[in-house]
């Protein structure tokens, strides 16, 4: 009876994170991880999980939920003609490599560093989306030469370390490269798939021998959290995509930036306190 009382609010938090994560996945192309990671980190803290592995579990579980969410969100955006398949073929394989590297690297750093990375990147992206003019560009088009492939490599690596589906980074980067925000959001949803699959496998393997994990964990991936959150985000994501196509470029950018600002401040506070 006591366990039911303790676990009910935790399950409720996971349900809420699944709904909000699914809406944001479709709305912003972010895979939902930007919501799921901080919520899971808080939930695992309430459960008394070792702080040394808490952020790793949150990141890994978030990436696992992004696999079905990305499929659902990308299909919804593709149906509306906002997925750039040519860009996906150019950047997708490089992101896959970066995501694998980032997940392996993350297994060797502690949770505070992951939280610091999460918060810092979120604030940088928020600043771009909120304060840079819409006509501010780094280039008139996405660079096609080999040197330009460092961009998706970095996006893949950092995204897998943060537990996000690339949209947090690739949406602002693509808009700086003169891509329409709706196309950036739709293509980023598909990028989430090539990041989440290799990164999830890497977190499963690297976390397998750890002694501080909860029952029900598969490596660093918490299966109860995955089974609660993944179906909700997958179901809700198409509704977020539908909302996204009713918003203007400026409204979509500011919504994205405001949300990242709140999340970034919260994660930095946690990392430094």
Protein backbone atom coordinates (compact mmCIF):
# COMPACT_ATOMS: atom_id res chain seq x y z
CA UNK A 1 0.00 0.00 0.00
CA UNK A 2 2.86 2.35 0.87
CA UNK A 3 4.57 1.59 -2.45
CA UNK A 4 1.39 2.51 -4.35
CA UNK A 5 1.20 5.84 -2.54
CA UNK A 6 4.88 6.57 -3.27
CA UNK A 7 4.85 5.55 -6.90
CA UNK A 8 1.53 7.07 -8.00
CA UNK A 9 2.83 10.67 -8.26
CA UNK A 10 5.94 9.42 -10.06
CA UNK A 11 3.88 7.57 -12.65
CA UNK A 12 1.74 10.69 -13.00
CA UNK A 13 4.85 12.76 -13.75
CA UNK A 14 5.86 10.30 -16.45
CA UNK A 15 2.38 10.48 -17.98
CA UNK A 16 2.51 14.29 -18.03
CA UNK A 17 6.00 14.28 -19.55
CA UNK A 18 4.80 11.90 -22.25
CA UNK A 19 1.92 14.17 -23.24
CA UNK A 20 4.00 17.38 -23.21
CA UNK A 21 6.93 15.65 -24.87
CA UNK A 22 4.72 14.38 -27.68
CA UNK A 23 3.23 17.82 -28.30
CA UNK A 24 6.68 19.41 -28.43
CA UNK A 25 7.99 16.65 -30.68
CA UNK A 26 5.40 17.45 -33.29
CA UNK A 27 5.34 21.20 -32.68
CA UNK A 28 9.08 21.85 -32.61
CA UNK A 29 10.71 18.72 -34.04
CA UNK A 30 12.66 18.17 -30.81
CA UNK A 31 11.81 14.53 -30.14
CA UNK A 32 10.36 15.37 -26.71
CA UNK A 33 13.68 14.75 -24.94
CA UNK A 34 14.03 18.36 -23.87
CA UNK A 35 11.00 17.72 -21.61
CA UNK A 36 11.52 14.04 -20.79
CA UNK A 37 15.13 14.39 -19.55
CA UNK A 38 14.50 16.96 -16.78
CA UNK A 39 11.25 15.26 -15.71
CA UNK A 40 12.88 11.83 -15.52
CA UNK A 41 15.89 13.28 -13.69
CA UNK A 42 13.55 14.77 -11.08
CA UNK A 43 11.52 11.56 -10.85
CA UNK A 44 14.60 9.40 -10.37
CA UNK A 45 15.80 11.79 -7.68
CA UNK A 46 12.54 11.27 -5.77
CA UNK A 47 13.13 7.52 -6.05
CA UNK A 48 16.55 7.97 -4.47
CA UNK A 49 18.56 6.81 -7.49
CA UNK A 50 22.33 7.31 -7.18
CA UNK A 51 23.14 10.85 -8.46
CA UNK A 52 26.15 9.43 -10.29
CA UNK A 53 23.92 7.57 -12.75
CA UNK A 54 20.64 9.51 -12.50
CA UNK A 55 21.26 11.79 -15.46
CA UNK A 56 22.61 8.89 -17.53
CA UNK A 57 19.34 6.99 -16.95
CA UNK A 58 17.25 10.05 -17.80
CA UNK A 59 19.20 10.68 -21.02
CA UNK A 60 19.19 7.03 -22.13
CA UNK A 61 15.48 6.53 -21.40
CA UNK A 62 14.64 9.75 -23.21
CA UNK A 63 16.55 8.60 -26.29
CA UNK A 64 14.67 5.28 -26.27
CA UNK A 65 11.32 7.10 -26.22
CA UNK A 66 12.46 9.29 -29.12
CA UNK A 67 12.67 6.29 -31.49
CA UNK A 68 8.88 5.79 -31.89
CA UNK A 69 8.17 9.50 -31.37
CA UNK A 70 10.47 10.49 -34.24
CA UNK A 71 8.76 8.04 -36.58
CA UNK A 72 5.33 9.42 -35.69
CA UNK A 73 6.38 13.07 -35.89
CA UNK A 74 8.39 12.66 -39.12
CA UNK A 75 5.49 10.91 -40.85
CA UNK A 76 3.14 13.72 -39.85
CA UNK A 77 5.52 16.40 -41.18
CA UNK A 78 6.31 14.43 -44.34
CA UNK A 79 2.59 14.26 -45.11
CA UNK A 80 2.60 18.06 -45.07
CA UNK A 81 5.65 18.30 -47.35
CA UNK A 82 8.03 19.72 -44.73
CA UNK A 83 10.76 17.04 -44.68
CA UNK A 84 13.87 17.70 -46.82
CA UNK A 85 14.84 14.16 -47.86
CA UNK A 86 17.89 15.34 -49.82
CA UNK A 87 19.30 17.00 -46.71
CA UNK A 88 18.48 13.92 -44.66
CA UNK A 89 20.49 11.74 -47.05
CA UNK A 90 23.44 14.14 -46.78
CA UNK A 91 23.43 14.69 -43.00
CA UNK A 92 21.76 11.51 -41.66
CA UNK A 93 24.73 9.08 -41.87
CA UNK A 94 27.08 11.64 -40.30
CA UNK A 95 24.65 12.29 -37.45
CA UNK A 96 24.48 8.53 -36.86
CA UNK A 97 28.25 8.42 -36.36
CA UNK A 98 28.21 11.49 -34.10
CA UNK A 99 25.39 10.09 -31.97
CA UNK A 100 27.25 6.84 -31.40
CA UNK A 101 30.42 8.68 -30.38
CA UNK A 102 28.53 11.04 -28.05
CA UNK A 103 26.72 8.23 -26.23
CA UNK A 104 29.97 6.33 -25.64
CA UNK A 105 31.66 9.51 -24.38
CA UNK A 106 28.74 10.30 -22.06
CA UNK A 107 29.13 6.98 -20.29
CA UNK A 108 32.51 8.18 -18.98
CA UNK A 109 31.38 11.51 -17.48
CA UNK A 110 29.31 12.15 -14.36
CA UNK A 111 25.71 13.33 -14.20
CA UNK A 112 26.60 16.91 -13.19
CA UNK A 113 28.59 17.40 -16.38
CA UNK A 114 25.70 16.07 -18.47
CA UNK A 115 23.29 18.45 -16.69
CA UNK A 116 25.71 21.35 -17.24
CA UNK A 117 25.97 20.51 -20.95
CA UNK A 118 22.18 20.21 -21.22
CA UNK A 119 21.52 23.57 -19.57
CA UNK A 120 24.28 25.46 -21.41
CA UNK A 121 23.22 24.28 -24.87
CA UNK A 122 19.55 24.95 -24.10
CA UNK A 123 20.33 28.56 -23.11
CA UNK A 124 22.49 29.19 -26.19
CA UNK A 125 19.77 27.91 -28.49
CA UNK A 126 17.12 29.90 -26.60
CA UNK A 127 19.16 33.09 -27.08
CA UNK A 128 19.34 32.45 -30.81
CA UNK A 129 15.64 31.78 -31.19
CA UNK A 130 14.53 34.72 -29.00
CA UNK A 131 16.99 37.50 -29.79
CA UNK A 132 18.49 37.05 -33.26
CA UNK A 133 16.53 38.60 -36.10
CA UNK A 134 14.75 36.21 -38.45
CA UNK A 135 16.83 37.55 -41.34
CA UNK A 136 20.14 36.87 -39.55
CA UNK A 137 21.93 34.10 -41.48
CA UNK A 138 25.28 32.33 -41.33
CA UNK A 139 24.95 31.15 -44.93
CA UNK A 140 22.51 31.35 -47.81
CA UNK A 141 22.27 27.57 -48.05
CA UNK A 142 23.35 24.39 -46.28
CA UNK A 143 27.04 23.76 -47.09
CA UNK A 144 27.39 20.70 -49.31
CA UNK A 145 31.17 20.29 -49.12
CA UNK A 146 32.90 17.81 -46.81
CA UNK A 147 33.91 20.52 -44.33
CA UNK A 148 30.23 21.28 -43.73
CA UNK A 149 29.63 17.74 -42.47
CA UNK A 150 31.18 18.73 -39.15
CA UNK A 151 27.85 20.41 -38.37
CA UNK A 152 25.71 17.22 -38.35
CA UNK A 153 28.57 15.32 -36.66
CA UNK A 154 28.51 17.81 -33.76
CA UNK A 155 24.71 17.87 -33.62
CA UNK A 156 24.61 14.08 -33.38
CA UNK A 157 27.26 13.89 -30.65
CA UNK A 158 25.84 16.65 -28.43
CA UNK A 159 22.24 15.50 -28.91
CA UNK A 160 23.04 11.94 -27.80
CA UNK A 161 24.85 13.29 -24.72
CA UNK A 162 21.81 15.44 -23.86
CA UNK A 163 19.16 12.79 -24.58
CA UNK A 164 17.43 14.86 -27.24
CA UNK A 165 16.36 14.09 -30.79
CA UNK A 166 18.49 16.68 -32.66
CA UNK A 167 15.72 19.26 -33.08
CA UNK A 168 16.98 21.41 -30.21
CA UNK A 169 20.17 21.96 -32.21
CA UNK A 170 19.29 21.27 -35.83
CA UNK A 171 16.22 23.54 -35.95
CA UNK A 172 18.14 26.74 -35.02
CA UNK A 173 21.18 25.67 -37.08
CA UNK A 174 19.08 25.03 -40.17
CA UNK A 175 17.26 28.35 -39.79
CA UNK A 176 20.67 30.07 -39.62
CA UNK A 177 21.46 28.30 -42.90
CA UNK A 178 18.41 29.89 -44.55
CA UNK A 179 16.06 26.92 -44.27
CA UNK A 180 12.35 27.67 -43.61
CA UNK A 181 11.52 26.96 -39.97
CA UNK A 182 8.73 24.53 -40.85
CA UNK A 183 11.11 22.51 -43.06
CA UNK A 184 13.76 22.66 -40.32
CA UNK A 185 11.27 21.29 -37.80
CA UNK A 186 10.01 18.52 -40.09
CA UNK A 187 13.48 17.38 -41.18
CA UNK A 188 14.74 17.48 -37.60
CA UNK A 189 12.01 15.05 -36.60
CA UNK A 190 13.52 12.53 -39.02
CA UNK A 191 17.05 13.29 -37.83
CA UNK A 192 15.87 12.24 -34.37
CA UNK A 193 15.61 8.67 -35.59
CA UNK A 194 19.24 8.35 -36.72
CA UNK A 195 20.39 9.83 -33.42
CA UNK A 196 18.15 7.93 -31.02
CA UNK A 197 18.72 4.39 -32.36
CA UNK A 198 22.55 4.16 -32.14
CA UNK A 199 22.66 6.26 -28.97
CA UNK A 200 20.09 4.07 -27.19
CA UNK A 201 22.01 0.91 -28.06
CA UNK A 202 25.24 2.48 -26.83
CA UNK A 203 23.64 3.47 -23.49
CA UNK A 204 22.22 -0.03 -23.05
CA UNK A 205 25.64 -1.62 -23.55
CA UNK A 206 27.65 0.89 -21.52
CA UNK A 207 25.23 0.80 -18.57
CA UNK A 208 24.81 -2.98 -18.43
CA UNK A 209 27.38 -3.76 -15.70
CA UNK A 210 26.54 -0.82 -13.40
CA UNK A 211 25.50 -1.78 -9.86
CA UNK A 212 23.44 1.34 -8.99
CA UNK A 213 20.66 0.84 -11.52
CA UNK A 214 16.99 0.31 -10.68
CA UNK A 215 15.19 -3.00 -11.21
CA UNK A 216 13.69 -2.93 -14.68
CA UNK A 217 16.61 -1.12 -16.26
CA UNK A 218 18.08 -2.37 -19.53
CA UNK A 219 21.55 -0.89 -19.23
CA UNK A 220 20.90 2.79 -18.58
CA UNK A 221 17.43 2.62 -20.18
CA UNK A 222 14.63 2.52 -17.61
CA UNK A 223 12.03 0.23 -19.19
CA UNK A 224 9.04 1.26 -16.98
CA UNK A 225 9.66 4.90 -17.92
CA UNK A 226 10.00 3.96 -21.58
CA UNK A 227 6.78 1.89 -21.56
CA UNK A 228 4.81 4.75 -20.00
CA UNK A 229 6.21 7.67 -21.99
CA UNK A 230 6.83 6.22 -25.48
CA UNK A 231 3.20 5.34 -26.36
CA UNK A 232 1.98 8.76 -25.24
CA UNK A 233 4.59 10.77 -27.14
CA UNK A 234 3.99 8.67 -30.27
CA UNK A 235 0.23 9.19 -30.07
CA UNK A 236 0.38 12.93 -29.31
CA UNK A 237 3.17 13.97 -31.74
CA UNK A 238 0.95 14.27 -34.87
CA UNK A 239 -1.28 16.74 -33.03
CA UNK A 240 1.77 18.90 -32.29
CA UNK A 241 2.74 18.77 -35.98
CA UNK A 242 -0.76 19.91 -36.91
CA UNK A 243 -0.49 22.89 -34.54
CA UNK A 244 2.97 23.79 -35.91
CA UNK A 245 1.60 24.30 -39.41
CA UNK A 246 -0.96 26.77 -38.11
CA UNK A 247 1.68 29.02 -36.53
CA UNK A 248 3.78 31.71 -38.19
CA UNK A 249 7.58 31.43 -38.41
CA UNK A 250 8.05 34.10 -35.71
CA UNK A 251 5.57 32.51 -33.30
CA UNK A 252 7.09 29.06 -33.73
CA UNK A 253 10.63 30.38 -33.16
CA UNK A 254 9.67 32.37 -30.05
CA UNK A 255 7.72 29.45 -28.58
CA UNK A 256 10.77 27.23 -29.03
CA UNK A 257 13.11 29.83 -27.51
CA UNK A 258 10.97 30.57 -24.47
CA UNK A 259 10.64 26.93 -23.59
CA UNK A 260 14.39 26.30 -23.91
CA UNK A 261 15.13 29.30 -21.72
CA UNK A 262 13.11 27.85 -18.86
CA UNK A 263 14.62 24.38 -19.21
CA UNK A 264 18.17 25.70 -19.51
CA UNK A 265 17.95 27.78 -16.34
CA UNK A 266 16.53 24.85 -14.40
CA UNK A 267 19.22 22.40 -15.53
CA UNK A 268 22.08 24.82 -14.86
CA UNK A 269 20.75 25.49 -11.38
CA UNK A 270 20.70 21.76 -10.73
CA UNK A 271 24.21 21.22 -12.11
CA UNK A 272 25.78 24.04 -10.09
CA UNK A 273 23.88 23.63 -6.81
